[in-house]
C-alpha atoms as a PDB file:
ATOM      1  CA  MET A   1      93.578 108.568 127.348  1.00  0.00           C
ATOM      2  CA  LYS A   2      90.270 106.691 126.349  1.00  0.00           C
ATOM      3  CA  LYS A   3      89.104 109.776 124.630  1.00  0.00           C
ATOM      4  CA  ILE A   4      92.331 109.918 122.159  1.00  0.00           C
ATOM      5  CA  SER A   5      91.874 106.002 121.676  1.00  0.00           C
ATOM      6  CA  GLU A   6      88.649 106.208 120.460  1.00  0.00           C
ATOM      7  CA  ILE A   7      89.113 108.967 117.902  1.00  0.00           C
ATOM      8  CA  ASN A   8      92.095 107.213 116.781  1.00  0.00           C
ATOM      9  CA  ILE A   9      90.231 104.087 116.439  1.00  0.00           C
ATOM     10  CA  LEU A  10      87.407 105.973 114.364  1.00  0.00           C
ATOM     11  CA  LYS A  11      90.155 107.641 112.151  1.00  0.00           C
ATOM     12  CA  ASP A  12      91.791 104.429 111.651  1.00  0.00           C
ATOM     13  CA  THR A  13      88.807 102.342 110.851  1.00  0.00           C
ATOM     14  CA  CYS A  14      87.447 105.000 108.592  1.00  0.00           C
ATOM     15  CA  SER A  15      90.743 105.251 106.557  1.00  0.00           C
ATOM     16  CA  LYS A  16      90.872 101.220 106.128  1.00  0.00           C
ATOM     17  CA  ALA A  17      87.011 101.329 105.130  1.00  0.00           C
ATOM     18  CA  LYS A  18      87.688 104.068 102.501  1.00  0.00           C
ATOM     19  CA  ALA A  19      90.631 102.395 101.139  1.00  0.00           C
ATOM     20  CA  LYS A  20      88.648  99.088 100.670  1.00  0.00           C
ATOM     21  CA  ASP A  21      85.548 101.039  99.648  1.00  0.00           C
ATOM     22  CA  LYS A  22      83.496  98.761 102.105  1.00  0.00           C
ATOM     23  CA  VAL A  23      82.779  98.410 105.785  1.00  0.00           C
ATOM     24  CA  THR A  24      83.854  94.887 106.992  1.00  0.00           C
ATOM     25  CA  GLY A  25      82.667  92.758 109.931  1.00  0.00           C
ATOM     26  CA  ALA A  26      86.082  93.564 111.606  1.00  0.00           C
ATOM     27  CA  HIS A  27      85.495  97.300 111.173  1.00  0.00           C
ATOM     28  CA  LEU A  28      82.041  96.977 112.749  1.00  0.00           C
ATOM     29  CA  ALA A  29      83.149  95.010 115.546  1.00  0.00           C
ATOM     30  CA  LYS A  30      86.221  97.279 116.301  1.00  0.00           C
ATOM     31  CA  LEU A  31      83.839 100.430 116.365  1.00  0.00           C
ATOM     32  CA  SER A  32      81.252  98.587 118.239  1.00  0.00           C
ATOM     33  CA  THR A  33      83.778  97.805 121.030  1.00  0.00           C
ATOM     34  CA  ALA A  34      85.211 101.345 121.227  1.00  0.00           C
ATOM     35  CA  PHE A  35      81.826 103.238 121.297  1.00  0.00           C
ATOM     36  CA  GLY A  36      79.030 100.896 122.240  1.00  0.00           C
ATOM     37  CA  PRO A  37      75.459 102.076 121.769  1.00  0.00           C
ATOM     38  CA  ARG A  38      76.978 105.324 120.212  1.00  0.00           C
ATOM     39  CA  PHE A  39      78.310 103.171 117.415  1.00  0.00           C
ATOM     40  CA  THR A  40      74.924 101.409 117.082  1.00  0.00           C
ATOM     41  CA  ARG A  41      72.985 104.519 116.869  1.00  0.00           C
ATOM     42  CA  ALA A  42      75.599 105.923 114.314  1.00  0.00           C
ATOM     43  CA  TRP A  43      75.306 102.885 112.145  1.00  0.00           C
ATOM     44  CA  GLU A  44      71.461 103.311 112.151  1.00  0.00           C
ATOM     45  CA  ALA A  45      72.081 106.862 110.902  1.00  0.00           C
ATOM     46  CA  LEU A  46      74.518 105.826 108.311  1.00  0.00           C
ATOM     47  CA  LYS A  47      72.130 102.688 106.893  1.00  0.00           C
ATOM     48  CA  GLU A  48      69.080 105.178 106.979  1.00  0.00           C
ATOM     49  CA  ARG A  49      71.038 107.772 105.047  1.00  0.00           C
ATOM     50  CA  ARG A  50      70.356 110.580 107.458  1.00  0.00           C
ATOM     51  CA  ILE A  51      73.586 112.478 107.035  1.00  0.00           C
ATOM     52  CA  LYS A  52      73.802 115.610 105.030  1.00  0.00           C
ATOM     53  CA  LYS A  53      76.293 117.648 103.423  1.00  0.00           C
ATOM     54  CA  TYR A  54      75.370 121.275 102.424  1.00  0.00           C
ATOM     55  CA  ILE A  55      77.640 123.163 100.166  1.00  0.00           C
ATOM     56  CA  PHE A  56      76.734 126.799  99.808  1.00  0.00           C
ATOM     57  CA  LYS A  57      77.629 128.622  96.494  1.00  0.00           C
ATOM     58  CA  PRO A  58      79.682 130.600  95.755  1.00  0.00           C
ATOM     59  CA  SER A  59      81.249 130.798  99.285  1.00  0.00           C
ATOM     60  CA  LYS A  60      81.728 126.987  99.354  1.00  0.00           C
ATOM     61  CA  ARG A  61      80.881 126.890 103.056  1.00  0.00           C
ATOM     62  CA  ILE A  62      80.147 123.448 104.256  1.00  0.00           C
ATOM     63  CA  VAL A  63      77.413 122.461 106.841  1.00  0.00           C
ATOM     64  CA  TRP A  64      76.968 118.982 107.929  1.00  0.00           C
ATOM     65  CA  ILE A  65      73.747 117.875 109.227  1.00  0.00           C
ATOM     66  CA  VAL A  66      72.679 114.642 110.940  1.00  0.00           C
ATOM     67  CA  VAL A  67      69.173 114.057 111.340  1.00  0.00           C
ATOM     68  CA  GLY A  68      68.574 112.751 115.003  1.00  0.00           C
ATOM     69  CA  ARG A  69      65.743 111.523 116.838  1.00  0.00           C
ATOM     70  CA  LYS A  70      64.418 114.972 117.827  1.00  0.00           C
ATOM     71  CA  ARG A  71      65.901 117.257 115.127  1.00  0.00           C
ATOM     72  CA  GLU A  72      68.348 117.894 112.614  1.00  0.00           C
ATOM     73  CA  TYR A  73      71.914 118.561 114.396  1.00  0.00           C
ATOM     74  CA  ILE A  74      74.777 120.723 113.172  1.00  0.00           C
ATOM     75  CA  VAL A  75      78.120 118.786 113.168  1.00  0.00           C
ATOM     76  CA  MET A  76      81.376 120.450 112.612  1.00  0.00           C
ATOM     77  CA  PRO A  77      83.920 117.720 112.162  1.00  0.00           C
ATOM     78  CA  THR A  78      87.124 119.677 112.134  1.00  0.00           C
ATOM     79  CA  ALA A  79      86.168 121.335 115.540  1.00  0.00           C
ATOM     80  CA  GLU A  80      84.548 118.138 116.725  1.00  0.00           C
ATOM     81  CA  PHE A  81      81.568 119.995 117.690  1.00  0.00           C
ATOM     82  CA  CYS A  82      77.713 118.932 117.280  1.00  0.00           C
ATOM     83  CA  SER A  83      74.732 120.879 118.547  1.00  0.00           C
ATOM     84  CA  CYS A  84      73.136 117.939 120.192  1.00  0.00           C
ATOM     85  CA  GLU A  85      72.429 117.603 123.860  1.00  0.00           C
ATOM     86  CA  ASP A  86      74.566 114.326 124.358  1.00  0.00           C
ATOM     87  CA  PHE A  87      77.524 116.816 123.058  1.00  0.00           C
ATOM     88  CA  TYR A  88      76.625 119.223 125.723  1.00  0.00           C
ATOM     89  CA  PHE A  89      76.157 116.937 128.712  1.00  0.00           C
ATOM     90  CA  ARG A  90      78.518 114.234 128.025  1.00  0.00           C
ATOM     91  CA  VAL A  91      81.244 115.258 125.630  1.00  0.00           C
ATOM     92  CA  MET A  92      81.546 118.761 127.363  1.00  0.00           C
ATOM     93  CA  ASP A  93      81.786 117.002 130.749  1.00  0.00           C
ATOM     94  CA  GLY A  94      84.649 114.846 129.349  1.00  0.00           C
ATOM     95  CA  GLU A  95      82.628 111.501 129.912  1.00  0.00           C
ATOM     96  CA  VAL A  96      82.942 110.816 126.068  1.00  0.00           C
ATOM     97  CA  HIS A  97      84.746 112.280 123.038  1.00  0.00           C
ATOM     98  CA  LEU A  98      82.182 111.817 120.485  1.00  0.00           C
ATOM     99  CA  CYS A  99      78.509 111.746 120.211  1.00  0.00           C
ATOM    100  CA  TYR A 100      76.990 109.469 117.767  1.00  0.00           C
ATOM    101  CA  HIS A 101      75.944 112.248 115.318  1.00  0.00           C
ATOM    102  CA  LEU A 102      79.930 112.970 115.161  1.00  0.00           C
ATOM    103  CA  ILE A 103      80.615 109.318 114.583  1.00  0.00           C
ATOM    104  CA  ALA A 104      78.074 108.988 112.149  1.00  0.00           C
ATOM    105  CA  GLN A 105      79.400 112.035 109.949  1.00  0.00           C
ATOM    106  CA  LYS A 106      82.980 110.852 110.047  1.00  0.00           C
ATOM    107  CA  MET A 107      82.069 107.550 108.945  1.00  0.00           C
ATOM    108  CA  ALA A 108      79.615 109.031 106.336  1.00  0.00           C
ATOM    109  CA  GLU A 109      82.401 111.378 105.063  1.00  0.00           C
ATOM    110  CA  ALA A 110      85.150 108.698 104.833  1.00  0.00           C
ATOM    111  CA  LEU A 111      82.606 106.052 102.898  1.00  0.00           C
ATOM    112  CA  GLY A 112      80.655 108.746 100.839  1.00  0.00           C
ATOM    113  CA  TRP A 113      77.327 107.797 102.498  1.00  0.00           C
ATOM    114  CA  TYR A 114      75.525 111.085 102.895  1.00  0.00           C
ATOM    115  CA  ASP A 115      73.215 112.978 100.927  1.00  0.00           C
ATOM    116  CA  LEU A 116      74.762 116.332  99.064  1.00  0.00           C
ATOM    117  CA  PHE A 117      72.846 119.269  98.617  1.00  0.00           C
ATOM    118  CA  GLU A 118      74.048 122.592  96.909  1.00  0.00           C
ATOM    119  CA  GLU A 119      72.487 125.719  98.039  1.00  0.00           C
ATOM    120  CA  GLU A 120      73.012 129.442  97.166  1.00  0.00           C
ATOM    121  CA  ASP A 121      74.713 131.445  99.794  1.00  0.00           C
ATOM    122  CA  SER A 122      71.500 133.629 100.242  1.00  0.00           C
ATOM    123  CA  LEU A 123      69.837 130.516 102.144  1.00  0.00           C
ATOM    124  CA  PHE A 124      72.581 130.074 104.383  1.00  0.00           C
ATOM    125  CA  ASP A 125      71.339 132.388 107.162  1.00  0.00           C
ATOM    126  CA  SER A 126      67.638 131.077 107.141  1.00  0.00           C
ATOM    127  CA  LEU A 127      68.831 127.404 107.171  1.00  0.00           C
ATOM    128  CA  MET A 128      71.086 128.000 109.961  1.00  0.00           C
ATOM    129  CA  ARG A 129      68.472 129.656 111.897  1.00  0.00           C
ATOM    130  CA  GLU A 130      66.168 126.426 111.043  1.00  0.00           C
ATOM    131  CA  TRP A 131      68.904 124.034 112.180  1.00  0.00           C
ATOM    132  CA  LYS A 132      69.417 125.943 115.287  1.00  0.00           C
ATOM    133  CA  GLU A 133      65.771 126.008 116.311  1.00  0.00           C
ATOM    134  CA  VAL A 134      65.108 123.875 119.395  1.00  0.00           C
ATOM    135  CA  THR A 135      62.030 122.114 119.399  1.00  0.00           C
ATOM    136  CA  PRO A 136      60.287 121.209 122.616  1.00  0.00           C
END
């Protein structure tokens, strides 16, 4: 049940922040209470503009990337998937519903706080290989 309430709090708060075109202290407090340290890391990623949206042309494929501590992570918001270790170990085990990369992406999308890159479809495969590469 907690998982569903977390996602609902995030959706509701993002919707309200988008409507006001700003994040208020009340929004931050609500998200901090719901997500704890995951929200703190997500907020840092937002403030540091570490969220990227790639649109490939002409296919219009979209890839979201969040620059994390170790590398860049692929985030698929509609599937609520992230390529980070926290996703595999905590989200997949049901301990939490979202990693901080997903929280950051959802907030960035709602607020427009991301860097937009438009690339040719011919670069899609090589960029995906680069993003999937695990660094030791």
